[in-house]
Structures are given as structure tokens and as C-alpha cells.
Amino acid sequence: MYSVFLRRAAEIALATKQKQGLCQVAMITTAAEEQRTQFEALNVTVPNPFVYHVELNRPKKLNAMHNTMWIEIGKCFTELGNDPDCRVIVLSGAGKVFSAGIDLADAAQLGTKLGEHEDVARRCKILHDTIKLYQDAMTSLEKCPKPVISAVHNACIGGAVDLITAADIRYCTNDAWFQVKEVDIGLAADVGTLQRLPRVIGSESLVRELVFTARKMMASEAKECGFVSKVYDGKDSMLKGAIEVATDIAAKSPVAVQVAKRSILYSRDHSVQEGLDHIRLWNMTMVQSEDFMNAAVAQATKSNPPTFSKL
């Protein structure tokens, strides 16, 4: 039975290679990439095949998150989630800090907009739609089926904490610090931290302390509580490490990686049995993919890992 499986898998693998013409990924820049959206507040590059690097790109403003950046984050991660040339995303900040959080000067413009209406219902509609826009921007990292690795240096404040809690993997430098700042400006965090941070670090006590006091959490404490999984000596070494991990992930089956992310997120919000039912329904289809056959043959025959087709 096993030999029949291997023989059939080998036939499928050979047919796949012939169909692909034994071509390797030789060019990173493609016509599709040239047509990709150009962003004002983000810088998107491709350091390695299938690995995309998204930088918050307002260094003169400490990468403060203004309305344009919120909109572009949602658009960028939605686009990359649908882009077959992208398999993993590294998220970082340009300049001296990762992000100073919400741009208060930009937020003042919202006050002007509210001032144009006397009726509370109209004001509430504006606030509802704005908060929903920002929430969706953060959630776009989760909804993106590609793994997102956040690489944080120096300050990560307020809305930036909301942003990285939606990432799959978090790294930081030894000078990084994190602050749930919202209570200091008379506001309860409303775009993801209160919902995701307890699940990320697993300590309700620590989460409440950080939220109620708005104190800084330094890199060592972030590592100790599991908020980040690696701490690097500097930004350059962190980005190098993040891109190396991203490149390793990008070499895996995109079918396996993306279904795994879906299952992890689904299981987080459901019971164990519901999670098992969910992955069973996915895998009854996905184990028939050429990725499984090709990878199984490579493992069984101890040959080089296969080159997987775009997804």
C-alpha cells in the first residue's frame, strides 16, 4: 500500500515539474508587482522570493498612525493576502522607533469633523465608522492568510501595540518597549489590544496592570511573558533574523502554512472539538493537494525539498 502511494506520488511530482518546466523563482519583480498599489505611509519591498517587507514609513513623525496609514495598512495586508507571489510578511518601522502610536494631530481633525454636527446620532455615526475602519485595519493582519512577523525596535506605543498583537510572530530589539497608552489620554483601547493581548500572553493580571497603569513594558519583560519570542541586540540583526525565518517559512508548502494559520486562529476562538472539526474539513481536501504528495515523497526518499507552486 505504501509503495503504491509513493509511486503515485512520484508520478504526480514528476508531472508537476514537467508542467512547471523545472523553472525556479528567478525574478522577484514581475509585471504584477509593478502594478501593485503605491503607498504613502508604507514602504513595501521584496527582500527574498515570496517574502515581503512592509515598513511603517513616516520616520519624521515617529511613524505616528494617521488616517492615511490606517487605511493603507488594511489595504496593504488585504492585497498581500491575495497575492500568490507573497507567502510571508515582515512588518517593521522605518527610522528611530517602531511607532509612536496614534497621530494626535491627525485625530484633532476628527474633532473638527464632529463639530460640524450638533446631533449626537450623527456624531456617533462618524465615530462608529472611524473606529470600525481602524479595527478592520488591525484585523487585516489576522485575516491575511500569510504569516506576519512583526519586528519592533525602540518605542511601540498605543495603536502600535494593537497592530503587533494581530501579528503571528513578534520579535524585538533589546531597547524596545511597549506601552498600552490609551488610558493616559482618557480613552479605552478600542482597536484590538484589549481583545488580543490576554490571549497572546495568557496573564489577565499582567494585561490589566499594563492597561490600567499605561506603564512601559521593556523587552526583557516582554520576552519573559511570551509577548515576543526573540530579542535581538539591534535593529539590523533583528531584521536579518526575521527575514531568515520568513524565508524558511516561504520555502514550505503555502497550502500547509496558510491552512495552519487559519486553524490556529479558528481554534483560538472556539472549543477544542470545534477546532478539530474545522481542520478535519479543511484537510479532507488539502491532503489531496500536490504539495502533500511532493513533500511526502521528498521526506520518504530523503531528497531535496520540492519547489511549491504559487497559491
C-alpha atoms as a PDB file:
ATOM      1  CA  MET A   1       0.000   0.000   0.000  1.00  0.00           C
ATOM      2  CA  TYR A   2       2.796   2.416   0.961  1.00  0.00           C
ATOM      3  CA  SER A   3       4.792   1.600  -2.195  1.00  0.00           C
ATOM      4  CA  VAL A   4       1.728   2.284  -4.341  1.00  0.00           C
ATOM      5  CA  PHE A   5       1.288   5.605  -2.598  1.00  0.00           C
ATOM      6  CA  LEU A   6       4.940   6.559  -3.176  1.00  0.00           C
ATOM      7  CA  ARG A   7       4.818   5.515  -6.820  1.00  0.00           C
ATOM      8  CA  ARG A   8       1.652   7.518  -7.430  1.00  0.00           C
ATOM      9  CA  ALA A   9       3.077  10.487  -5.532  1.00  0.00           C
ATOM     10  CA  ALA A  10       6.267  10.323  -7.571  1.00  0.00           C
ATOM     11  CA  GLU A  11       4.235  10.340 -10.803  1.00  0.00           C
ATOM     12  CA  ILE A  12       2.333  13.406  -9.634  1.00  0.00           C
ATOM     13  CA  ALA A  13       5.551  15.131  -8.599  1.00  0.00           C
ATOM     14  CA  LEU A  14       7.129  14.420 -11.997  1.00  0.00           C
ATOM     15  CA  ALA A  15       4.088  15.675 -13.860  1.00  0.00           C
ATOM     16  CA  THR A  16       4.071  18.820 -11.766  1.00  0.00           C
ATOM     17  CA  LYS A  17       7.736  19.517 -12.505  1.00  0.00           C
ATOM     18  CA  GLN A  18       7.166  18.982 -16.200  1.00  0.00           C
ATOM     19  CA  LYS A  19       4.219  21.329 -16.154  1.00  0.00           C
ATOM     20  CA  GLN A  20       6.275  23.977 -14.390  1.00  0.00           C
ATOM     21  CA  GLY A  21       9.114  23.434 -16.841  1.00  0.00           C
ATOM     22  CA  LEU A  22      11.522  22.891 -13.951  1.00  0.00           C
ATOM     23  CA  CYS A  23      11.587  26.654 -13.552  1.00  0.00           C
ATOM     24  CA  GLN A  24      12.884  28.282 -10.387  1.00  0.00           C
ATOM     25  CA  VAL A  25      11.860  31.652  -8.989  1.00  0.00           C
ATOM     26  CA  ALA A  26      14.487  33.779 -10.720  1.00  0.00           C
ATOM     27  CA  MET A  27      12.882  37.204 -10.875  1.00  0.00           C
ATOM     28  CA  ILE A  28      11.371  38.917  -7.865  1.00  0.00           C
ATOM     29  CA  THR A  29       9.997  41.917  -9.744  1.00  0.00           C
ATOM     30  CA  THR A  30       7.099  40.984 -12.007  1.00  0.00           C
ATOM     31  CA  ALA A  31       4.566  42.866 -14.046  1.00  0.00           C
ATOM     32  CA  ALA A  32       2.002  42.251 -11.318  1.00  0.00           C
ATOM     33  CA  GLU A  33       4.300  43.834  -8.734  1.00  0.00           C
ATOM     34  CA  GLU A  34       4.782  46.877 -10.919  1.00  0.00           C
ATOM     35  CA  GLN A  35       1.009  47.331 -10.871  1.00  0.00           C
ATOM     36  CA  ARG A  36       0.775  46.934  -7.089  1.00  0.00           C
ATOM     37  CA  THR A  37      -0.611  49.858  -5.106  1.00  0.00           C
ATOM     38  CA  GLN A  38       1.913  52.541  -4.238  1.00  0.00           C
ATOM     39  CA  PHE A  39       1.555  53.631  -0.624  1.00  0.00           C
ATOM     40  CA  GLU A  40       2.217  56.982   1.022  1.00  0.00           C
ATOM     41  CA  ALA A  41       2.744  55.848   4.612  1.00  0.00           C
ATOM     42  CA  LEU A  42       4.119  52.364   3.959  1.00  0.00           C
ATOM     43  CA  ASN A  43       7.173  51.088   2.115  1.00  0.00           C
ATOM     44  CA  VAL A  44       6.815  47.620   0.587  1.00  0.00           C
ATOM     45  CA  THR A  45       9.859  45.692  -0.659  1.00  0.00           C
ATOM     46  CA  VAL A  46      10.699  42.092  -1.566  1.00  0.00           C
ATOM     47  CA  PRO A  47      13.988  41.063   0.111  1.00  0.00           C
ATOM     48  CA  ASN A  48      13.680  37.419  -0.956  1.00  0.00           C
ATOM     49  CA  PRO A  49      11.358  35.435  -3.239  1.00  0.00           C
ATOM     50  CA  PHE A  50       7.875  35.200  -1.682  1.00  0.00           C
ATOM     51  CA  VAL A  51       8.977  37.328   1.316  1.00  0.00           C
ATOM     52  CA  TYR A  52       7.538  40.837   1.575  1.00  0.00           C
ATOM     53  CA  HIS A  53       8.793  43.535   3.922  1.00  0.00           C
ATOM     54  CA  VAL A  54       6.252  46.170   4.959  1.00  0.00           C
ATOM     55  CA  GLU A  55       7.670  49.223   6.735  1.00  0.00           C
ATOM     56  CA  LEU A  56       5.698  51.889   8.556  1.00  0.00           C
ATOM     57  CA  ASN A  57       7.193  54.827   6.686  1.00  0.00           C
ATOM     58  CA  ARG A  58       6.666  58.128   8.489  1.00  0.00           C
ATOM     59  CA  PRO A  59      10.061  58.343  10.216  1.00  0.00           C
ATOM     60  CA  LYS A  60       9.955  62.129  10.657  1.00  0.00           C
ATOM     61  CA  LYS A  61       6.668  61.689  12.540  1.00  0.00           C
ATOM     62  CA  LEU A  62       7.960  58.669  14.501  1.00  0.00           C
ATOM     63  CA  ASN A  63       5.650  56.513  12.384  1.00  0.00           C
ATOM     64  CA  ALA A  64       2.641  58.001  14.140  1.00  0.00           C
ATOM     65  CA  MET A  65      -0.517  56.400  12.810  1.00  0.00           C
ATOM     66  CA  HIS A  66      -2.647  58.923  10.930  1.00  0.00           C
ATOM     67  CA  ASN A  67      -5.797  58.245   8.925  1.00  0.00           C
ATOM     68  CA  THR A  68      -3.898  57.509   5.720  1.00  0.00           C
ATOM     69  CA  MET A  69      -1.695  54.936   7.449  1.00  0.00           C
ATOM     70  CA  TRP A  70      -4.683  53.162   8.995  1.00  0.00           C
ATOM     71  CA  ILE A  71      -6.351  52.898   5.596  1.00  0.00           C
ATOM     72  CA  GLU A  72      -3.160  51.771   3.872  1.00  0.00           C
ATOM     73  CA  ILE A  73      -2.413  49.062   6.456  1.00  0.00           C
ATOM     74  CA  GLY A  74      -5.785  47.462   5.765  1.00  0.00           C
ATOM     75  CA  LYS A  75      -5.371  47.784   2.011  1.00  0.00           C
ATOM     76  CA  CYS A  76      -1.780  46.510   2.008  1.00  0.00           C
ATOM     77  CA  PHE A  77      -2.382  43.358   4.029  1.00  0.00           C
ATOM     78  CA  THR A  78      -5.572  42.591   2.109  1.00  0.00           C
ATOM     79  CA  GLU A  79      -3.684  42.880  -1.191  1.00  0.00           C
ATOM     80  CA  LEU A  80      -0.748  40.785   0.002  1.00  0.00           C
ATOM     81  CA  GLY A  81      -3.160  38.192   1.362  1.00  0.00           C
ATOM     82  CA  ASN A  82      -4.462  37.721  -2.181  1.00  0.00           C
ATOM     83  CA  ASP A  83      -1.076  37.928  -3.909  1.00  0.00           C
ATOM     84  CA  PRO A  84       0.309  34.494  -4.930  1.00  0.00           C
ATOM     85  CA  ASP A  85       3.828  35.990  -5.045  1.00  0.00           C
ATOM     86  CA  CYS A  86       3.625  36.681  -1.302  1.00  0.00           C
ATOM     87  CA  ARG A  87       3.889  33.886   1.274  1.00  0.00           C
ATOM     88  CA  VAL A  88       5.243  35.656   4.366  1.00  0.00           C
ATOM     89  CA  ILE A  89       5.285  39.286   5.520  1.00  0.00           C
ATOM     90  CA  VAL A  90       7.787  41.021   7.803  1.00  0.00           C
ATOM     91  CA  LEU A  91       6.438  44.195   9.444  1.00  0.00           C
ATOM     92  CA  SER A  92       8.812  46.843  10.813  1.00  0.00           C
ATOM     93  CA  GLY A  93       9.141  50.599  11.276  1.00  0.00           C
ATOM     94  CA  ALA A  94      11.478  52.984   9.471  1.00  0.00           C
ATOM     95  CA  GLY A  95      13.579  55.444  11.450  1.00  0.00           C
ATOM     96  CA  LYS A  96      14.289  55.756  15.168  1.00  0.00           C
ATOM     97  CA  VAL A  97      11.217  53.969  16.561  1.00  0.00           C
ATOM     98  CA  PHE A  98       8.713  51.338  15.500  1.00  0.00           C
ATOM     99  CA  SER A  99       5.728  53.632  16.092  1.00  0.00           C
ATOM    100  CA  ALA A 100       4.618  56.359  18.484  1.00  0.00           C
ATOM    101  CA  GLY A 101       1.019  55.200  18.114  1.00  0.00           C
ATOM    102  CA  ILE A 102      -1.946  57.293  17.080  1.00  0.00           C
ATOM    103  CA  ASP A 103      -1.193  60.664  15.499  1.00  0.00           C
ATOM    104  CA  LEU A 104      -2.925  63.062  17.900  1.00  0.00           C
ATOM    105  CA  ALA A 105      -2.633  65.997  15.487  1.00  0.00           C
ATOM    106  CA  ASP A 106      -4.436  63.973  12.851  1.00  0.00           C
ATOM    107  CA  ALA A 107      -7.003  62.853  15.417  1.00  0.00           C
ATOM    108  CA  ALA A 108      -7.802  66.507  16.103  1.00  0.00           C
ATOM    109  CA  GLN A 109      -9.184  66.706  12.577  1.00  0.00           C
ATOM    110  CA  LEU A 110     -11.785  64.168  13.653  1.00  0.00           C
ATOM    111  CA  GLY A 111     -12.870  66.618  16.338  1.00  0.00           C
ATOM    112  CA  THR A 112     -13.370  69.257  13.672  1.00  0.00           C
ATOM    113  CA  LYS A 113     -15.477  66.818  11.677  1.00  0.00           C
ATOM    114  CA  LEU A 114     -17.602  66.046  14.717  1.00  0.00           C
ATOM    115  CA  GLY A 115     -18.045  69.753  15.348  1.00  0.00           C
ATOM    116  CA  GLU A 116     -19.885  70.078  12.072  1.00  0.00           C
ATOM    117  CA  HIS A 117     -22.824  68.171  13.577  1.00  0.00           C
ATOM    118  CA  GLU A 118     -24.940  69.066  16.587  1.00  0.00           C
ATOM    119  CA  ASP A 119     -26.947  65.866  16.697  1.00  0.00           C
ATOM    120  CA  VAL A 120     -25.499  63.067  18.809  1.00  0.00           C
ATOM    121  CA  ALA A 121     -26.655  60.363  16.363  1.00  0.00           C
ATOM    122  CA  ARG A 122     -24.691  61.947  13.521  1.00  0.00           C
ATOM    123  CA  ARG A 123     -21.603  62.289  15.689  1.00  0.00           C
ATOM    124  CA  CYS A 124     -21.898  58.697  16.835  1.00  0.00           C
ATOM    125  CA  LYS A 125     -22.155  57.515  13.229  1.00  0.00           C
ATOM    126  CA  ILE A 126     -18.866  59.267  12.392  1.00  0.00           C
ATOM    127  CA  LEU A 127     -17.111  57.789  15.427  1.00  0.00           C
ATOM    128  CA  HIS A 128     -18.540  54.324  14.800  1.00  0.00           C
ATOM    129  CA  ASP A 129     -17.358  54.277  11.206  1.00  0.00           C
ATOM    130  CA  THR A 130     -13.910  55.632  12.107  1.00  0.00           C
ATOM    131  CA  ILE A 131     -13.336  53.108  14.889  1.00  0.00           C
ATOM    132  CA  LYS A 132     -14.558  50.289  12.634  1.00  0.00           C
ATOM    133  CA  LEU A 133     -12.137  51.396   9.901  1.00  0.00           C
ATOM    134  CA  TYR A 134      -9.227  51.290  12.351  1.00  0.00           C
ATOM    135  CA  GLN A 135     -10.334  47.957  13.831  1.00  0.00           C
ATOM    136  CA  ASP A 136     -10.538  46.425  10.374  1.00  0.00           C
ATOM    137  CA  ALA A 137      -7.049  47.717   9.579  1.00  0.00           C
ATOM    138  CA  MET A 138      -5.612  45.828  12.563  1.00  0.00           C
ATOM    139  CA  THR A 139      -7.679  42.737  11.859  1.00  0.00           C
ATOM    140  CA  SER A 140      -6.361  42.678   8.286  1.00  0.00           C
ATOM    141  CA  LEU A 141      -3.140  41.147   9.670  1.00  0.00           C
ATOM    142  CA  GLU A 142      -5.149  38.258  11.102  1.00  0.00           C
ATOM    143  CA  LYS A 143      -7.359  37.865   8.057  1.00  0.00           C
ATOM    144  CA  CYS A 144      -4.310  37.818   5.799  1.00  0.00           C
ATOM    145  CA  PRO A 145      -3.683  34.071   5.284  1.00  0.00           C
ATOM    146  CA  LYS A 146       0.083  34.683   5.073  1.00  0.00           C
ATOM    147  CA  PRO A 147       2.095  34.631   8.330  1.00  0.00           C
ATOM    148  CA  VAL A 148       3.033  38.105   9.590  1.00  0.00           C
ATOM    149  CA  ILE A 149       6.262  38.602  11.562  1.00  0.00           C
ATOM    150  CA  SER A 150       6.459  41.911  13.439  1.00  0.00           C
ATOM    151  CA  ALA A 151       9.953  43.265  14.130  1.00  0.00           C
ATOM    152  CA  VAL A 152       9.877  46.027  16.746  1.00  0.00           C
ATOM    153  CA  HIS A 153      12.661  48.407  17.735  1.00  0.00           C
ATOM    154  CA  ASN A 154      12.569  51.107  20.382  1.00  0.00           C
ATOM    155  CA  ALA A 155       9.106  52.546  21.093  1.00  0.00           C
ATOM    156  CA  CYS A 156       5.890  50.669  20.363  1.00  0.00           C
ATOM    157  CA  ILE A 157       3.055  52.734  21.787  1.00  0.00           C
ATOM    158  CA  GLY A 158      -0.740  52.683  21.820  1.00  0.00           C
ATOM    159  CA  GLY A 159      -2.115  51.766  18.406  1.00  0.00           C
ATOM    160  CA  ALA A 160       1.193  50.133  17.500  1.00  0.00           C
ATOM    161  CA  VAL A 161       0.588  47.573  20.265  1.00  0.00           C
ATOM    162  CA  ASP A 162      -2.838  46.897  18.749  1.00  0.00           C
ATOM    163  CA  LEU A 163      -1.077  46.352  15.430  1.00  0.00           C
ATOM    164  CA  ILE A 164       1.523  43.829  16.542  1.00  0.00           C
ATOM    165  CA  THR A 165      -0.863  41.830  18.716  1.00  0.00           C
ATOM    166  CA  ALA A 166      -2.587  40.906  15.434  1.00  0.00           C
ATOM    167  CA  ALA A 167       0.701  39.551  14.015  1.00  0.00           C
ATOM    168  CA  ASP A 168       1.577  35.852  14.104  1.00  0.00           C
ATOM    169  CA  ILE A 169       5.163  36.176  15.383  1.00  0.00           C
ATOM    170  CA  ARG A 170       6.732  39.033  17.352  1.00  0.00           C
ATOM    171  CA  TYR A 171      10.438  39.869  17.628  1.00  0.00           C
ATOM    172  CA  CYS A 172      12.032  42.938  19.169  1.00  0.00           C
ATOM    173  CA  THR A 173      15.370  44.599  19.923  1.00  0.00           C
ATOM    174  CA  ASN A 174      16.778  44.858  23.432  1.00  0.00           C
ATOM    175  CA  ASP A 175      15.970  48.598  23.504  1.00  0.00           C
ATOM    176  CA  ALA A 176      12.305  48.015  22.612  1.00  0.00           C
ATOM    177  CA  TRP A 177       9.491  48.942  24.950  1.00  0.00           C
ATOM    178  CA  PHE A 178       5.747  48.577  24.733  1.00  0.00           C
ATOM    179  CA  GLN A 179       3.038  50.779  26.200  1.00  0.00           C
ATOM    180  CA  VAL A 180      -0.751  50.477  26.160  1.00  0.00           C
ATOM    181  CA  LYS A 181      -1.023  54.250  26.364  1.00  0.00           C
ATOM    182  CA  GLU A 182      -4.714  54.902  25.828  1.00  0.00           C
ATOM    183  CA  VAL A 183      -5.790  55.497  29.455  1.00  0.00           C
ATOM    184  CA  ASP A 184      -3.288  58.359  29.657  1.00  0.00           C
ATOM    185  CA  ILE A 185      -5.299  60.219  27.021  1.00  0.00           C
ATOM    186  CA  GLY A 186      -8.642  59.379  28.639  1.00  0.00           C
ATOM    187  CA  LEU A 187      -9.521  56.548  26.297  1.00  0.00           C
ATOM    188  CA  ALA A 188     -10.027  52.799  26.483  1.00  0.00           C
ATOM    189  CA  ALA A 189      -8.069  50.985  23.768  1.00  0.00           C
ATOM    190  CA  ASP A 190     -10.571  50.084  21.071  1.00  0.00           C
ATOM    191  CA  VAL A 191      -8.832  48.539  18.071  1.00  0.00           C
ATOM    192  CA  GLY A 192      -7.642  45.167  19.354  1.00  0.00           C
ATOM    193  CA  THR A 193      -5.287  45.237  22.341  1.00  0.00           C
ATOM    194  CA  LEU A 194      -7.953  44.528  24.965  1.00  0.00           C
ATOM    195  CA  GLN A 195      -9.257  41.600  22.935  1.00  0.00           C
ATOM    196  CA  ARG A 196      -5.970  40.058  21.734  1.00  0.00           C
ATOM    197  CA  LEU A 197      -3.341  40.799  24.381  1.00  0.00           C
ATOM    198  CA  PRO A 198      -4.876  38.496  27.056  1.00  0.00           C
ATOM    199  CA  ARG A 199      -4.815  35.636  24.540  1.00  0.00           C
ATOM    200  CA  VAL A 200      -1.248  36.440  23.478  1.00  0.00           C
ATOM    201  CA  ILE A 201       0.433  36.484  26.896  1.00  0.00           C
ATOM    202  CA  GLY A 202      -2.044  34.393  28.881  1.00  0.00           C
ATOM    203  CA  SER A 203      -1.925  36.513  32.053  1.00  0.00           C
ATOM    204  CA  GLU A 204      -5.058  38.514  32.815  1.00  0.00           C
ATOM    205  CA  SER A 205      -3.302  40.086  35.798  1.00  0.00           C
ATOM    206  CA  LEU A 206      -0.400  41.436  33.755  1.00  0.00           C
ATOM    207  CA  VAL A 207      -2.680  42.623  30.950  1.00  0.00           C
ATOM    208  CA  ARG A 208      -4.850  44.568  33.365  1.00  0.00           C
ATOM    209  CA  GLU A 209      -1.812  46.088  35.036  1.00  0.00           C
ATOM    210  CA  LEU A 210      -0.408  47.243  31.702  1.00  0.00           C
ATOM    211  CA  VAL A 211      -3.785  48.579  30.549  1.00  0.00           C
ATOM    212  CA  PHE A 212      -4.810  50.327  33.794  1.00  0.00           C
ATOM    213  CA  THR A 213      -1.420  51.914  34.541  1.00  0.00           C
ATOM    214  CA  ALA A 214      -0.178  52.579  30.967  1.00  0.00           C
ATOM    215  CA  ARG A 215       3.316  51.733  32.204  1.00  0.00           C
ATOM    216  CA  LYS A 216       6.100  50.682  29.883  1.00  0.00           C
ATOM    217  CA  MET A 217       6.926  47.007  29.392  1.00  0.00           C
ATOM    218  CA  MET A 218      10.562  46.584  28.460  1.00  0.00           C
ATOM    219  CA  ALA A 219      11.955  43.984  26.061  1.00  0.00           C
ATOM    220  CA  SER A 220      13.129  41.628  28.820  1.00  0.00           C
ATOM    221  CA  GLU A 221       9.673  41.531  30.411  1.00  0.00           C
ATOM    222  CA  ALA A 222       8.026  41.141  27.005  1.00  0.00           C
ATOM    223  CA  LYS A 223      10.198  38.094  26.355  1.00  0.00           C
ATOM    224  CA  GLU A 224       9.580  36.680  29.825  1.00  0.00           C
ATOM    225  CA  CYS A 225       5.790  36.860  29.500  1.00  0.00           C
ATOM    226  CA  GLY A 226       5.791  35.488  25.955  1.00  0.00           C
ATOM    227  CA  PHE A 227       4.693  38.658  24.169  1.00  0.00           C
ATOM    228  CA  VAL A 228       7.781  38.378  21.962  1.00  0.00           C
ATOM    229  CA  SER A 229       9.618  35.165  21.160  1.00  0.00           C
ATOM    230  CA  LYS A 230      13.081  36.593  20.393  1.00  0.00           C
ATOM    231  CA  VAL A 231      15.082  39.634  21.496  1.00  0.00           C
ATOM    232  CA  TYR A 232      17.938  40.887  19.293  1.00  0.00           C
ATOM    233  CA  ASP A 233      20.872  43.186  20.026  1.00  0.00           C
ATOM    234  CA  GLY A 234      19.916  45.688  17.339  1.00  0.00           C
ATOM    235  CA  LYS A 235      17.557  46.507  14.507  1.00  0.00           C
ATOM    236  CA  ASP A 236      19.817  45.206  11.735  1.00  0.00           C
ATOM    237  CA  SER A 237      20.294  41.803  13.362  1.00  0.00           C
ATOM    238  CA  MET A 238      16.566  41.617  14.136  1.00  0.00           C
ATOM    239  CA  LEU A 239      15.550  42.310  10.533  1.00  0.00           C
ATOM    240  CA  LYS A 240      18.129  39.834   9.302  1.00  0.00           C
ATOM    241  CA  GLY A 241      16.750  37.187  11.670  1.00  0.00           C
ATOM    242  CA  ALA A 242      13.125  37.976  10.813  1.00  0.00           C
ATOM    243  CA  ILE A 243      13.803  37.735   7.074  1.00  0.00           C
ATOM    244  CA  GLU A 244      15.685  34.459   7.555  1.00  0.00           C
ATOM    245  CA  VAL A 245      12.701  32.971   9.407  1.00  0.00           C
ATOM    246  CA  ALA A 246      10.335  34.366   6.777  1.00  0.00           C
ATOM    247  CA  THR A 247      12.460  32.829   4.002  1.00  0.00           C
ATOM    248  CA  ASP A 248      12.374  29.459   5.751  1.00  0.00           C
ATOM    249  CA  ILE A 249       8.576  29.635   6.043  1.00  0.00           C
ATOM    250  CA  ALA A 250       8.255  30.771   2.417  1.00  0.00           C
ATOM    251  CA  ALA A 251      10.038  27.590   1.289  1.00  0.00           C
ATOM    252  CA  LYS A 252       7.330  25.444   2.898  1.00  0.00           C
ATOM    253  CA  SER A 253       4.086  24.435   1.244  1.00  0.00           C
ATOM    254  CA  PRO A 254       1.854  27.530   1.079  1.00  0.00           C
ATOM    255  CA  VAL A 255      -1.125  25.204   1.363  1.00  0.00           C
ATOM    256  CA  ALA A 256       0.133  23.777   4.658  1.00  0.00           C
ATOM    257  CA  VAL A 257       1.214  27.125   6.131  1.00  0.00           C
ATOM    258  CA  GLN A 258      -1.944  29.026   5.257  1.00  0.00           C
ATOM    259  CA  VAL A 259      -4.303  26.275   6.412  1.00  0.00           C
ATOM    260  CA  ALA A 260      -2.303  26.019   9.647  1.00  0.00           C
ATOM    261  CA  LYS A 261      -2.766  29.764  10.279  1.00  0.00           C
ATOM    262  CA  ARG A 262      -6.490  29.502   9.612  1.00  0.00           C
ATOM    263  CA  SER A 263      -6.772  26.588  12.025  1.00  0.00           C
ATOM    264  CA  ILE A 264      -4.799  28.303  14.805  1.00  0.00           C
ATOM    265  CA  LEU A 265      -6.959  31.428  14.620  1.00  0.00           C
ATOM    266  CA  TYR A 266     -10.209  29.470  14.411  1.00  0.00           C
ATOM    267  CA  SER A 267      -9.239  27.254  17.346  1.00  0.00           C
ATOM    268  CA  ARG A 268      -8.354  30.299  19.464  1.00  0.00           C
ATOM    269  CA  ASP A 269     -11.979  31.444  19.392  1.00  0.00           C
ATOM    270  CA  HIS A 270     -13.675  28.027  19.515  1.00  0.00           C
ATOM    271  CA  SER A 271     -13.697  24.854  21.577  1.00  0.00           C
ATOM    272  CA  VAL A 272     -11.154  22.091  21.056  1.00  0.00           C
ATOM    273  CA  GLN A 273     -13.754  19.912  19.353  1.00  0.00           C
ATOM    274  CA  GLU A 274     -14.839  22.724  17.051  1.00  0.00           C
ATOM    275  CA  GLY A 275     -11.193  23.274  16.152  1.00  0.00           C
ATOM    276  CA  LEU A 276     -10.764  19.587  15.363  1.00  0.00           C
ATOM    277  CA  ASP A 277     -13.893  19.633  13.206  1.00  0.00           C
ATOM    278  CA  HIS A 278     -12.610  22.707  11.382  1.00  0.00           C
ATOM    279  CA  ILE A 279      -9.196  21.264  10.488  1.00  0.00           C
ATOM    280  CA  ARG A 280     -10.762  17.931   9.513  1.00  0.00           C
ATOM    281  CA  LEU A 281     -12.990  19.677   6.980  1.00  0.00           C
ATOM    282  CA  TRP A 282     -10.028  21.588   5.558  1.00  0.00           C
ATOM    283  CA  ASN A 283      -7.656  18.629   5.389  1.00  0.00           C
ATOM    284  CA  MET A 284     -10.098  16.235   3.768  1.00  0.00           C
ATOM    285  CA  THR A 285      -9.473  18.454   0.740  1.00  0.00           C
ATOM    286  CA  MET A 286      -5.929  19.692   1.285  1.00  0.00           C
ATOM    287  CA  VAL A 287      -4.279  16.292   1.758  1.00  0.00           C
ATOM    288  CA  GLN A 288      -5.211  15.694  -1.886  1.00  0.00           C
ATOM    289  CA  SER A 289      -3.046  18.666  -2.901  1.00  0.00           C
ATOM    290  CA  GLU A 290       0.119  18.107  -4.931  1.00  0.00           C
ATOM    291  CA  ASP A 291       2.009  19.840  -2.087  1.00  0.00           C
ATOM    292  CA  PHE A 292       1.363  16.944   0.262  1.00  0.00           C
ATOM    293  CA  MET A 293       2.335  14.350  -2.324  1.00  0.00           C
ATOM    294  CA  ASN A 294       5.522  16.160  -3.329  1.00  0.00           C
ATOM    295  CA  ALA A 295       6.616  16.846   0.238  1.00  0.00           C
ATOM    296  CA  ALA A 296       5.824  13.293   1.358  1.00  0.00           C
ATOM    297  CA  VAL A 297       7.917  11.830  -1.458  1.00  0.00           C
ATOM    298  CA  ALA A 298      10.824  14.159  -0.629  1.00  0.00           C
ATOM    299  CA  GLN A 299      10.691  13.133   3.033  1.00  0.00           C
ATOM    300  CA  ALA A 300      10.358   9.430   2.268  1.00  0.00           C
ATOM    301  CA  THR A 301      13.183   9.403  -0.271  1.00  0.00           C
ATOM    302  CA  LYS A 302      15.378  11.887   1.657  1.00  0.00           C
ATOM    303  CA  SER A 303      15.633  14.047  -1.449  1.00  0.00           C
ATOM    304  CA  ASN A 304      15.754  17.835  -1.643  1.00  0.00           C
ATOM    305  CA  PRO A 305      12.613  19.693  -0.567  1.00  0.00           C
ATOM    306  CA  PRO A 306      10.302  20.348  -3.514  1.00  0.00           C
ATOM    307  CA  THR A 307       9.658  23.771  -5.031  1.00  0.00           C
ATOM    308  CA  PHE A 308       5.998  24.503  -4.402  1.00  0.00           C
ATOM    309  CA  SER A 309       3.681  26.147  -6.892  1.00  0.00           C
ATOM    310  CA  LYS A 310       2.188  29.544  -6.177  1.00  0.00           C
ATOM    311  CA  LEU A 311      -1.095  29.632  -4.324  1.00  0.00           C
END
